[in-house]
């Protein structure tokens, strides 16, 4: 798992949103196969957000379908997701939808 997380982190740091999306989706599948559902759903949701930022709405929709078929929480309920999920320390989560410096909160830090 550390290599998937490293790939997500590196792509985020270098602002390669398309690679961040793909790495997040692959990490999600990795965690799902190992029945680590909480981490899996987080990475699926993160990949959806990255795909949408990139403009790849068909890919985001495909991943959203995976989430809907594997998890009970509706994928569009970001407030519920933000409060329920363990987030890797390198990913800042916007709690209010803005991108300002005061809008980010780290939900989990190793």
PDB file of N, CA and C in Angstrom:
ATOM      1  N   UNK A   1       0.812  -1.203   0.000  1.00  0.00           N
ATOM      2  CA  UNK A   1       0.000   0.000   0.000  1.00  0.00           C
ATOM      3  C   UNK A   1       0.850   1.259   0.000  1.00  0.00           C
ATOM      4  N   UNK A   2       2.060   1.169   0.556  1.00  0.00           N
ATOM      5  CA  UNK A   2       2.876   2.380   0.636  1.00  0.00           C
ATOM      6  C   UNK A   2       3.262   2.901  -0.744  1.00  0.00           C
ATOM      7  N   UNK A   3       3.366   2.024  -1.730  1.00  0.00           N
ATOM      8  CA  UNK A   3       3.719   2.476  -3.073  1.00  0.00           C
ATOM      9  C   UNK A   3       2.554   3.189  -3.750  1.00  0.00           C
ATOM     10  N   UNK A   4       1.331   2.703  -3.516  1.00  0.00           N
ATOM     11  CA  UNK A   4       0.160   3.414  -4.039  1.00  0.00           C
ATOM     12  C   UNK A   4       0.063   4.790  -3.396  1.00  0.00           C
ATOM     13  N   UNK A   5       0.216   4.833  -2.076  1.00  0.00           N
ATOM     14  CA  UNK A   5       0.134   6.104  -1.367  1.00  0.00           C
ATOM     15  C   UNK A   5       1.254   7.044  -1.805  1.00  0.00           C
ATOM     16  N   UNK A   6       2.443   6.508  -2.048  1.00  0.00           N
ATOM     17  CA  UNK A   6       3.559   7.330  -2.526  1.00  0.00           C
ATOM     18  C   UNK A   6       3.265   7.895  -3.914  1.00  0.00           C
ATOM     19  N   UNK A   7       2.628   7.094  -4.757  1.00  0.00           N
ATOM     20  CA  UNK A   7       2.278   7.560  -6.106  1.00  0.00           C
ATOM     21  C   UNK A   7       1.255   8.688  -6.043  1.00  0.00           C
ATOM     22  N   UNK A   8       0.259   8.538  -5.169  1.00  0.00           N
ATOM     23  CA  UNK A   8      -0.745   9.594  -5.009  1.00  0.00           C
ATOM     24  C   UNK A   8      -0.067  10.855  -4.483  1.00  0.00           C
ATOM     25  N   UNK A   9       0.768  10.698  -3.477  1.00  0.00           N
ATOM     26  CA  UNK A   9       1.451  11.840  -2.871  1.00  0.00           C
ATOM     27  C   UNK A   9       2.333  12.567  -3.883  1.00  0.00           C
ATOM     28  N   UNK A  10       3.135  11.817  -4.634  1.00  0.00           N
ATOM     29  CA  UNK A  10       4.043  12.431  -5.611  1.00  0.00           C
ATOM     30  C   UNK A  10       3.277  13.159  -6.709  1.00  0.00           C
ATOM     31  N   UNK A  11       2.224  12.537  -7.200  1.00  0.00           N
ATOM     32  CA  UNK A  11       1.449  13.192  -8.261  1.00  0.00           C
ATOM     33  C   UNK A  11       0.753  14.444  -7.736  1.00  0.00           C
ATOM     34  N   UNK A  12       0.309  14.419  -6.481  1.00  0.00           N
ATOM     35  CA  UNK A  12      -0.313  15.600  -5.879  1.00  0.00           C
ATOM     36  C   UNK A  12       0.709  16.712  -5.709  1.00  0.00           C
ATOM     37  N   UNK A  13       1.883  16.368  -5.191  1.00  0.00           N
ATOM     38  CA  UNK A  13       2.932  17.369  -4.970  1.00  0.00           C
ATOM     39  C   UNK A  13       3.370  18.038  -6.264  1.00  0.00           C
ATOM     40  N   UNK A  14       3.382  17.274  -7.368  1.00  0.00           N
ATOM     41  CA  UNK A  14       3.823  17.814  -8.651  1.00  0.00           C
ATOM     42  C   UNK A  14       2.662  18.325  -9.503  1.00  0.00           C
ATOM     43  N   UNK A  15       1.459  18.299  -8.901  1.00  0.00           N
ATOM     44  CA  UNK A  15       0.249  18.829  -9.550  1.00  0.00           C
ATOM     45  C   UNK A  15      -0.093  18.120 -10.863  1.00  0.00           C
ATOM     46  N   UNK A  16       0.121  16.788 -10.884  1.00  0.00           N
ATOM     47  CA  UNK A  16      -0.290  15.967 -12.021  1.00  0.00           C
ATOM     48  C   UNK A  16      -1.643  15.352 -11.673  1.00  0.00           C
ATOM     49  N   UNK A  17      -2.710  16.127 -11.860  1.00  0.00           N
ATOM     50  CA  UNK A  17      -4.036  15.716 -11.395  1.00  0.00           C
ATOM     51  C   UNK A  17      -4.491  14.425 -12.067  1.00  0.00           C
ATOM     52  N   UNK A  18      -4.129  14.228 -13.322  1.00  0.00           N
ATOM     53  CA  UNK A  18      -4.537  13.004 -14.028  1.00  0.00           C
ATOM     54  C   UNK A  18      -3.851  11.782 -13.419  1.00  0.00           C
ATOM     55  N   UNK A  19      -2.585  11.901 -13.065  1.00  0.00           N
ATOM     56  CA  UNK A  19      -1.892  10.780 -12.442  1.00  0.00           C
ATOM     57  C   UNK A  19      -2.372  10.558 -11.011  1.00  0.00           C
ATOM     58  N   UNK A  20      -2.720  11.638 -10.335  1.00  0.00           N
ATOM     59  CA  UNK A  20      -3.276  11.517  -8.983  1.00  0.00           C
ATOM     60  C   UNK A  20      -4.599  10.759  -9.022  1.00  0.00           C
ATOM     61  N   UNK A  21      -5.410  11.034 -10.043  1.00  0.00           N
ATOM     62  CA  UNK A  21      -6.692  10.349 -10.191  1.00  0.00           C
ATOM     63  C   UNK A  21      -6.494   8.849 -10.425  1.00  0.00           C
ATOM     64  N   UNK A  22      -5.618   8.514 -11.347  1.00  0.00           N
ATOM     65  CA  UNK A  22      -5.376   7.106 -11.671  1.00  0.00           C
ATOM     66  C   UNK A  22      -4.749   6.381 -10.478  1.00  0.00           C
ATOM     67  N   UNK A  23      -3.763   7.004  -9.843  1.00  0.00           N
ATOM     68  CA  UNK A  23      -3.111   6.378  -8.685  1.00  0.00           C
ATOM     69  C   UNK A  23      -4.112   6.162  -7.554  1.00  0.00           C
ATOM     70  N   UNK A  24      -5.006   7.121  -7.348  1.00  0.00           N
ATOM     71  CA  UNK A  24      -6.020   6.983  -6.304  1.00  0.00           C
ATOM     72  C   UNK A  24      -6.983   5.849  -6.617  1.00  0.00           C
ATOM     73  N   UNK A  25      -7.387   5.748  -7.882  1.00  0.00           N
ATOM     74  CA  UNK A  25      -8.294   4.663  -8.256  1.00  0.00           C
ATOM     75  C   UNK A  25      -7.624   3.305  -8.075  1.00  0.00           C
ATOM     76  N   UNK A  26      -6.373   3.196  -8.477  1.00  0.00           N
ATOM     77  CA  UNK A  26      -5.662   1.929  -8.305  1.00  0.00           C
ATOM     78  C   UNK A  26      -5.483   1.588  -6.826  1.00  0.00           C
ATOM     79  N   UNK A  27      -5.187   2.581  -6.015  1.00  0.00           N
ATOM     80  CA  UNK A  27      -5.076   2.358  -4.567  1.00  0.00           C
ATOM     81  C   UNK A  27      -6.414   1.881  -4.014  1.00  0.00           C
ATOM     82  N   UNK A  28      -7.495   2.469  -4.482  1.00  0.00           N
ATOM     83  CA  UNK A  28      -8.827   2.074  -4.019  1.00  0.00           C
ATOM     84  C   UNK A  28      -9.109   0.610  -4.338  1.00  0.00           C
ATOM     85  N   UNK A  29      -8.778   0.180  -5.548  1.00  0.00           N
ATOM     86  CA  UNK A  29      -8.975  -1.220  -5.913  1.00  0.00           C
ATOM     87  C   UNK A  29      -8.099  -2.131  -5.050  1.00  0.00           C
ATOM     88  N   UNK A  30      -6.871  -1.712  -4.802  1.00  0.00           N
ATOM     89  CA  UNK A  30      -5.958  -2.474  -3.954  1.00  0.00           C
ATOM     90  C   UNK A  30      -6.568  -2.694  -2.568  1.00  0.00           C
ATOM     91  N   UNK A  31      -7.049  -1.607  -1.954  1.00  0.00           N
ATOM     92  CA  UNK A  31      -7.632  -1.715  -0.621  1.00  0.00           C
ATOM     93  C   UNK A  31      -8.940  -2.507  -0.626  1.00  0.00           C
ATOM     94  N   UNK A  32      -9.745  -2.346  -1.668  1.00  0.00           N
ATOM     95  CA  UNK A  32     -11.008  -3.082  -1.757  1.00  0.00           C
ATOM     96  C   UNK A  32     -10.755  -4.585  -1.852  1.00  0.00           C
ATOM     97  N   UNK A  33      -9.769  -4.983  -2.641  1.00  0.00           N
ATOM     98  CA  UNK A  33      -9.440  -6.402  -2.774  1.00  0.00           C
ATOM     99  C   UNK A  33      -9.001  -7.013  -1.445  1.00  0.00           C
ATOM    100  N   UNK A  34      -8.480  -6.180  -0.568  1.00  0.00           N
ATOM    101  CA  UNK A  34      -8.031  -6.657   0.745  1.00  0.00           C
ATOM    102  C   UNK A  34      -9.061  -6.387   1.836  1.00  0.00           C
ATOM    103  N   UNK A  35     -10.251  -6.008   1.401  1.00  0.00           N
ATOM    104  CA  UNK A  35     -11.391  -5.742   2.294  1.00  0.00           C
ATOM    105  C   UNK A  35     -11.105  -4.636   3.301  1.00  0.00           C
ATOM    106  N   UNK A  36     -10.276  -3.690   2.921  1.00  0.00           N
ATOM    107  CA  UNK A  36     -10.026  -2.491   3.714  1.00  0.00           C
ATOM    108  C   UNK A  36     -10.933  -1.404   3.141  1.00  0.00           C
ATOM    109  N   UNK A  37     -12.199  -1.521   3.478  1.00  0.00           N
ATOM    110  CA  UNK A  37     -13.256  -0.754   2.825  1.00  0.00           C
ATOM    111  C   UNK A  37     -13.171   0.748   3.077  1.00  0.00           C
ATOM    112  N   UNK A  38     -12.795   1.138   4.275  1.00  0.00           N
ATOM    113  CA  UNK A  38     -12.734   2.561   4.585  1.00  0.00           C
ATOM    114  C   UNK A  38     -11.678   3.264   3.718  1.00  0.00           C
ATOM    115  N   UNK A  39     -10.488   2.691   3.664  1.00  0.00           N
ATOM    116  CA  UNK A  39      -9.430   3.263   2.837  1.00  0.00           C
ATOM    117  C   UNK A  39      -9.821   3.209   1.359  1.00  0.00           C
ATOM    118  N   UNK A  40     -10.428   2.106   0.961  1.00  0.00           N
ATOM    119  CA  UNK A  40     -10.840   1.952  -0.429  1.00  0.00           C
ATOM    120  C   UNK A  40     -11.819   3.044  -0.835  1.00  0.00           C
ATOM    121  N   UNK A  41     -12.828   3.255  -0.014  1.00  0.00           N
ATOM    122  CA  UNK A  41     -13.821   4.267  -0.380  1.00  0.00           C
ATOM    123  C   UNK A  41     -13.203   5.655  -0.414  1.00  0.00           C
ATOM    124  N   UNK A  42     -12.312   5.939   0.524  1.00  0.00           N
ATOM    125  CA  UNK A  42     -11.657   7.249   0.485  1.00  0.00           C
ATOM    126  C   UNK A  42     -10.934   7.447  -0.841  1.00  0.00           C
ATOM    127  N   UNK A  43     -10.133   6.461  -1.246  1.00  0.00           N
ATOM    128  CA  UNK A  43      -9.365   6.610  -2.480  1.00  0.00           C
ATOM    129  C   UNK A  43     -10.264   6.651  -3.717  1.00  0.00           C
ATOM    130  N   UNK A  44     -11.362   5.897  -3.710  1.00  0.00           N
ATOM    131  CA  UNK A  44     -12.309   6.022  -4.823  1.00  0.00           C
ATOM    132  C   UNK A  44     -12.860   7.446  -4.889  1.00  0.00           C
ATOM    133  N   UNK A  45     -13.255   7.992  -3.739  1.00  0.00           N
ATOM    134  CA  UNK A  45     -13.812   9.345  -3.724  1.00  0.00           C
ATOM    135  C   UNK A  45     -12.754  10.362  -4.155  1.00  0.00           C
ATOM    136  N   UNK A  46     -11.534  10.161  -3.706  1.00  0.00           N
ATOM    137  CA  UNK A  46     -10.459  11.063  -4.099  1.00  0.00           C
ATOM    138  C   UNK A  46     -10.227  10.993  -5.607  1.00  0.00           C
ATOM    139  N   UNK A  47     -10.288   9.801  -6.168  1.00  0.00           N
ATOM    140  CA  UNK A  47     -10.098   9.672  -7.618  1.00  0.00           C
ATOM    141  C   UNK A  47     -11.233  10.355  -8.378  1.00  0.00           C
ATOM    142  N   UNK A  48     -12.451  10.231  -7.880  1.00  0.00           N
ATOM    143  CA  UNK A  48     -13.583  10.919  -8.523  1.00  0.00           C
ATOM    144  C   UNK A  48     -13.330  12.422  -8.545  1.00  0.00           C
ATOM    145  N   UNK A  49     -12.930  12.971  -7.399  1.00  0.00           N
ATOM    146  CA  UNK A  49     -12.669  14.416  -7.331  1.00  0.00           C
ATOM    147  C   UNK A  49     -11.554  14.824  -8.291  1.00  0.00           C
ATOM    148  N   UNK A  50     -10.508  14.032  -8.364  1.00  0.00           N
ATOM    149  CA  UNK A  50      -9.399  14.348  -9.277  1.00  0.00           C
ATOM    150  C   UNK A  50      -9.833  14.242 -10.736  1.00  0.00           C
ATOM    151  N   UNK A  51     -10.559  13.181 -11.072  1.00  0.00           N
ATOM    152  CA  UNK A  51     -11.046  13.042 -12.442  1.00  0.00           C
ATOM    153  C   UNK A  51     -11.921  14.240 -12.831  1.00  0.00           C
ATOM    154  N   UNK A  52     -12.780  14.675 -11.918  1.00  0.00           N
ATOM    155  CA  UNK A  52     -13.645  15.817 -12.220  1.00  0.00           C
ATOM    156  C   UNK A  52     -12.840  17.103 -12.382  1.00  0.00           C
ATOM    157  N   UNK A  53     -11.837  17.318 -11.535  1.00  0.00           N
ATOM    158  CA  UNK A  53     -10.975  18.506 -11.682  1.00  0.00           C
ATOM    159  C   UNK A  53     -10.250  18.481 -13.017  1.00  0.00           C
ATOM    160  N   UNK A  54      -9.882  17.307 -13.461  1.00  0.00           N
ATOM    161  CA  UNK A  54      -9.176  17.120 -14.721  1.00  0.00           C
ATOM    162  C   UNK A  54     -10.127  17.289 -15.917  1.00  0.00           C
ATOM    163  N   UNK A  55     -11.419  17.158 -15.672  1.00  0.00           N
ATOM    164  CA  UNK A  55     -12.399  17.252 -16.738  1.00  0.00           C
ATOM    165  C   UNK A  55     -12.770  15.905 -17.330  1.00  0.00           C
ATOM    166  N   UNK A  56     -12.355  14.824 -16.690  1.00  0.00           N
ATOM    167  CA  UNK A  56     -12.626  13.466 -17.176  1.00  0.00           C
ATOM    168  C   UNK A  56     -13.905  12.955 -16.510  1.00  0.00           C
ATOM    169  N   UNK A  57     -15.032  13.533 -16.904  1.00  0.00           N
ATOM    170  CA  UNK A  57     -16.302  13.246 -16.246  1.00  0.00           C
ATOM    171  C   UNK A  57     -16.807  11.833 -16.501  1.00  0.00           C
ATOM    172  N   UNK A  58     -16.477  11.254 -17.638  1.00  0.00           N
ATOM    173  CA  UNK A  58     -16.875   9.875 -17.912  1.00  0.00           C
ATOM    174  C   UNK A  58     -16.130   8.925 -16.976  1.00  0.00           C
ATOM    175  N   UNK A  59     -14.848   9.177 -16.771  1.00  0.00           N
ATOM    176  CA  UNK A  59     -14.080   8.348 -15.837  1.00  0.00           C
ATOM    177  C   UNK A  59     -14.601   8.523 -14.415  1.00  0.00           C
ATOM    178  N   UNK A  60     -14.911   9.757 -14.040  1.00  0.00           N
ATOM    179  CA  UNK A  60     -15.457  10.009 -12.703  1.00  0.00           C
ATOM    180  C   UNK A  60     -16.783   9.264 -12.522  1.00  0.00           C
ATOM    181  N   UNK A  61     -17.604   9.255 -13.543  1.00  0.00           N
ATOM    182  CA  UNK A  61     -18.895   8.559 -13.484  1.00  0.00           C
ATOM    183  C   UNK A  61     -18.691   7.050 -13.348  1.00  0.00           C
ATOM    184  N   UNK A  62     -17.714   6.507 -14.065  1.00  0.00           N
ATOM    185  CA  UNK A  62     -17.425   5.073 -13.983  1.00  0.00           C
ATOM    186  C   UNK A  62     -16.983   4.692 -12.565  1.00  0.00           C
ATOM    187  N   UNK A  63     -16.135   5.503 -11.964  1.00  0.00           N
ATOM    188  CA  UNK A  63     -15.681   5.228 -10.600  1.00  0.00           C
ATOM    189  C   UNK A  63     -16.839   5.410  -9.618  1.00  0.00           C
ATOM    190  N   UNK A  64     -17.668   6.418  -9.853  1.00  0.00           N
ATOM    191  CA  UNK A  64     -18.840   6.627  -8.992  1.00  0.00           C
ATOM    192  C   UNK A  64     -19.746   5.397  -9.012  1.00  0.00           C
ATOM    193  N   UNK A  65     -19.896   4.774 -10.173  1.00  0.00           N
ATOM    194  CA  UNK A  65     -20.688   3.540 -10.273  1.00  0.00           C
ATOM    195  C   UNK A  65     -20.079   2.417  -9.428  1.00  0.00           C
ATOM    196  N   UNK A  66     -18.758   2.341  -9.418  1.00  0.00           N
ATOM    197  CA  UNK A  66     -18.082   1.331  -8.582  1.00  0.00           C
ATOM    198  C   UNK A  66     -18.385   1.593  -7.111  1.00  0.00           C
ATOM    199  N   UNK A  67     -18.303   2.853  -6.709  1.00  0.00           N
ATOM    200  CA  UNK A  67     -18.576   3.216  -5.314  1.00  0.00           C
ATOM    201  C   UNK A  67     -20.017   2.864  -4.953  1.00  0.00           C
ATOM    202  N   UNK A  68     -20.946   3.225  -5.802  1.00  0.00           N
ATOM    203  CA  UNK A  68     -22.358   2.960  -5.517  1.00  0.00           C
ATOM    204  C   UNK A  68     -22.658   1.468  -5.433  1.00  0.00           C
ATOM    205  N   UNK A  69     -21.933   0.654  -6.182  1.00  0.00           N
ATOM    206  CA  UNK A  69     -22.198  -0.782  -6.148  1.00  0.00           C
ATOM    207  C   UNK A  69     -21.475  -1.503  -5.010  1.00  0.00           C
ATOM    208  N   UNK A  70     -20.510  -0.846  -4.375  1.00  0.00           N
ATOM    209  CA  UNK A  70     -19.726  -1.501  -3.329  1.00  0.00           C
ATOM    210  C   UNK A  70     -19.891  -0.909  -1.930  1.00  0.00           C
ATOM    211  N   UNK A  71     -20.469   0.287  -1.832  1.00  0.00           N
ATOM    212  CA  UNK A  71     -20.559   0.963  -0.545  1.00  0.00           C
ATOM    213  C   UNK A  71     -21.963   1.487  -0.319  1.00  0.00           C
ATOM    214  N   UNK A  72     -22.326   1.611   0.953  1.00  0.00           N
ATOM    215  CA  UNK A  72     -23.673   2.047   1.296  1.00  0.00           C
ATOM    216  C   UNK A  72     -23.835   3.559   1.330  1.00  0.00           C
ATOM    217  N   UNK A  73     -22.781   4.298   1.648  1.00  0.00           N
ATOM    218  CA  UNK A  73     -22.873   5.755   1.745  1.00  0.00           C
ATOM    219  C   UNK A  73     -22.941   6.345   0.344  1.00  0.00           C
ATOM    220  N   UNK A  74     -23.908   7.232   0.085  1.00  0.00           N
ATOM    221  CA  UNK A  74     -23.979   7.857  -1.239  1.00  0.00           C
ATOM    222  C   UNK A  74     -22.694   8.628  -1.525  1.00  0.00           C
ATOM    223  N   UNK A  75     -22.119   8.478  -2.723  1.00  0.00           N
ATOM    224  CA  UNK A  75     -20.825   9.095  -3.013  1.00  0.00           C
ATOM    225  C   UNK A  75     -20.853  10.624  -3.078  1.00  0.00           C
ATOM    226  N   UNK A  76     -22.010  11.252  -3.183  1.00  0.00           N
ATOM    227  CA  UNK A  76     -22.067  12.704  -3.264  1.00  0.00           C
ATOM    228  C   UNK A  76     -22.158  13.366  -1.903  1.00  0.00           C
ATOM    229  N   UNK A  77     -22.209  12.607  -0.829  1.00  0.00           N
ATOM    230  CA  UNK A  77     -22.351  13.176   0.498  1.00  0.00           C
ATOM    231  C   UNK A  77     -20.974  13.403   1.109  1.00  0.00           C
ATOM    232  N   UNK A  78     -20.287  14.481   0.665  1.00  0.00           N
ATOM    233  CA  UNK A  78     -18.913  14.727   1.079  1.00  0.00           C
ATOM    234  C   UNK A  78     -18.800  15.062   2.557  1.00  0.00           C
ATOM    235  N   UNK A  79     -19.799  15.734   3.139  1.00  0.00           N
ATOM    236  CA  UNK A  79     -19.721  16.069   4.563  1.00  0.00           C
ATOM    237  C   UNK A  79     -19.681  14.805   5.406  1.00  0.00           C
ATOM    238  N   UNK A  80     -20.527  13.829   5.057  1.00  0.00           N
ATOM    239  CA  UNK A  80     -20.537  12.576   5.802  1.00  0.00           C
ATOM    240  C   UNK A  80     -19.235  11.817   5.587  1.00  0.00           C
ATOM    241  N   UNK A  81     -18.726  11.847   4.362  1.00  0.00           N
ATOM    242  CA  UNK A  81     -17.473  11.156   4.082  1.00  0.00           C
ATOM    243  C   UNK A  81     -16.312  11.799   4.825  1.00  0.00           C
ATOM    244  N   UNK A  82     -16.261  13.117   4.833  1.00  0.00           N
ATOM    245  CA  UNK A  82     -15.145  13.806   5.477  1.00  0.00           C
ATOM    246  C   UNK A  82     -15.083  13.510   6.967  1.00  0.00           C
ATOM    247  N   UNK A  83     -16.231  13.315   7.588  1.00  0.00           N
ATOM    248  CA  UNK A  83     -16.215  13.065   9.021  1.00  0.00           C
ATOM    249  C   UNK A  83     -15.981  11.600   9.361  1.00  0.00           C
ATOM    250  N   UNK A  84     -16.190  10.686   8.418  1.00  0.00           N
ATOM    251  CA  UNK A  84     -16.116   9.261   8.708  1.00  0.00           C
ATOM    252  C   UNK A  84     -14.826   8.578   8.261  1.00  0.00           C
ATOM    253  N   UNK A  85     -14.033   9.209   7.436  1.00  0.00           N
ATOM    254  CA  UNK A  85     -12.926   8.495   6.825  1.00  0.00           C
ATOM    255  C   UNK A  85     -11.578   8.889   7.361  1.00  0.00           C
ATOM    256  N   UNK A  86     -10.711   7.913   7.397  1.00  0.00           N
ATOM    257  CA  UNK A  86      -9.307   8.127   7.719  1.00  0.00           C
ATOM    258  C   UNK A  86      -8.638   8.607   6.446  1.00  0.00           C
ATOM    259  N   UNK A  87      -8.027   9.756   6.531  1.00  0.00           N
ATOM    260  CA  UNK A  87      -7.411  10.364   5.361  1.00  0.00           C
ATOM    261  C   UNK A  87      -5.898  10.337   5.532  1.00  0.00           C
ATOM    262  N   UNK A  88      -5.176   9.860   4.525  1.00  0.00           N
ATOM    263  CA  UNK A  88      -3.719   9.875   4.638  1.00  0.00           C
ATOM    264  C   UNK A  88      -3.206  11.274   4.941  1.00  0.00           C
ATOM    265  N   UNK A  89      -2.118  11.355   5.691  1.00  0.00           N
ATOM    266  CA  UNK A  89      -1.618  12.631   6.188  1.00  0.00           C
ATOM    267  C   UNK A  89      -1.234  13.607   5.102  1.00  0.00           C
ATOM    268  N   UNK A  90      -0.962  13.152   3.886  1.00  0.00           N
ATOM    269  CA  UNK A  90      -0.510  14.059   2.842  1.00  0.00           C
ATOM    270  C   UNK A  90      -1.652  14.662   2.035  1.00  0.00           C
ATOM    271  N   UNK A  91      -2.894  14.299   2.341  1.00  0.00           N
ATOM    272  CA  UNK A  91      -4.018  14.813   1.579  1.00  0.00           C
ATOM    273  C   UNK A  91      -4.815  15.760   2.463  1.00  0.00           C
ATOM    274  N   UNK A  92      -4.886  17.024   2.047  1.00  0.00           N
ATOM    275  CA  UNK A  92      -5.689  18.006   2.752  1.00  0.00           C
ATOM    276  C   UNK A  92      -7.096  17.954   2.175  1.00  0.00           C
ATOM    277  N   UNK A  93      -8.078  17.946   3.053  1.00  0.00           N
ATOM    278  CA  UNK A  93      -9.459  17.839   2.633  1.00  0.00           C
ATOM    279  C   UNK A  93     -10.156  19.170   2.866  1.00  0.00           C
ATOM    280  N   UNK A  94     -10.767  19.703   1.833  1.00  0.00           N
ATOM    281  CA  UNK A  94     -11.530  20.931   1.964  1.00  0.00           C
ATOM    282  C   UNK A  94     -12.868  20.596   2.595  1.00  0.00           C
ATOM    283  N   UNK A  95     -13.147  21.234   3.723  1.00  0.00           N
ATOM    284  CA  UNK A  95     -14.399  20.941   4.413  1.00  0.00           C
ATOM    285  C   UNK A  95     -15.528  21.860   3.991  1.00  0.00           C
ATOM    286  N   UNK A  96     -15.210  22.972   3.355  1.00  0.00           N
ATOM    287  CA  UNK A  96     -16.268  23.904   2.977  1.00  0.00           C
ATOM    288  C   UNK A  96     -16.352  24.146   1.474  1.00  0.00           C
ATOM    289  N   UNK A  97     -15.596  23.386   0.696  1.00  0.00           N
ATOM    290  CA  UNK A  97     -15.658  23.510  -0.753  1.00  0.00           C
ATOM    291  C   UNK A  97     -14.756  24.581  -1.327  1.00  0.00           C
ATOM    292  N   UNK A  98     -14.113  25.398  -0.478  1.00  0.00           N
ATOM    293  CA  UNK A  98     -13.230  26.445  -0.974  1.00  0.00           C
ATOM    294  C   UNK A  98     -11.803  25.939  -0.997  1.00  0.00           C
ATOM    295  N   UNK A  99     -10.941  26.713  -1.626  1.00  0.00           N
ATOM    296  CA  UNK A  99      -9.539  26.326  -1.702  1.00  0.00           C
ATOM    297  C   UNK A  99      -8.636  27.272  -0.926  1.00  0.00           C
ATOM    298  N   UNK A 100      -9.206  28.119  -0.080  1.00  0.00           N
ATOM    299  CA  UNK A 100      -8.413  29.058   0.697  1.00  0.00           C
ATOM    300  C   UNK A 100      -7.577  28.358   1.744  1.00  0.00           C
ATOM    301  N   UNK A 101      -6.547  29.045   2.258  1.00  0.00           N
ATOM    302  CA  UNK A 101      -5.644  28.406   3.219  1.00  0.00           C
ATOM    303  C   UNK A 101      -6.323  28.008   4.522  1.00  0.00           C
ATOM    304  N   UNK A 102      -7.399  28.661   4.880  1.00  0.00           N
ATOM    305  CA  UNK A 102      -8.097  28.321   6.121  1.00  0.00           C
ATOM    306  C   UNK A 102      -9.186  27.279   5.919  1.00  0.00           C
ATOM    307  N   UNK A 103      -9.350  26.823   4.674  1.00  0.00           N
ATOM    308  CA  UNK A 103     -10.435  25.879   4.392  1.00  0.00           C
ATOM    309  C   UNK A 103      -9.976  24.427   4.484  1.00  0.00           C
ATOM    310  N   UNK A 104      -8.706  24.197   4.702  1.00  0.00           N
ATOM    311  CA  UNK A 104      -8.174  22.840   4.713  1.00  0.00           C
ATOM    312  C   UNK A 104      -8.015  22.340   6.148  1.00  0.00           C
ATOM    313  N   UNK A 105      -8.251  21.070   6.315  1.00  0.00           N
ATOM    314  CA  UNK A 105      -8.079  20.433   7.611  1.00  0.00           C
ATOM    315  C   UNK A 105      -7.502  19.057   7.391  1.00  0.00           C
ATOM    316  N   UNK A 106      -6.494  18.717   8.115  1.00  0.00           N
ATOM    317  CA  UNK A 106      -5.975  17.364   8.042  1.00  0.00           C
ATOM    318  C   UNK A 106      -6.782  16.511   8.988  1.00  0.00           C
ATOM    319  N   UNK A 107      -7.385  15.462   8.459  1.00  0.00           N
ATOM    320  CA  UNK A 107      -8.243  14.604   9.260  1.00  0.00           C
ATOM    321  C   UNK A 107      -7.466  13.505   9.967  1.00  0.00           C
ATOM    322  N   UNK A 108      -6.277  13.239   9.476  1.00  0.00           N
ATOM    323  CA  UNK A 108      -5.491  12.162  10.065  1.00  0.00           C
ATOM    324  C   UNK A 108      -4.039  12.422   9.745  1.00  0.00           C
ATOM    325  N   UNK A 109      -3.186  12.283  10.693  1.00  0.00           N
ATOM    326  CA  UNK A 109      -1.766  12.503  10.471  1.00  0.00           C
ATOM    327  C   UNK A 109      -0.968  11.436  11.187  1.00  0.00           C
ATOM    328  N   UNK A 110      -0.137  10.711  10.462  1.00  0.00           N
ATOM    329  CA  UNK A 110       0.710   9.681  11.077  1.00  0.00           C
ATOM    330  C   UNK A 110       1.812  10.317  11.860  1.00  0.00           C
TER     331      UNK A 110
END
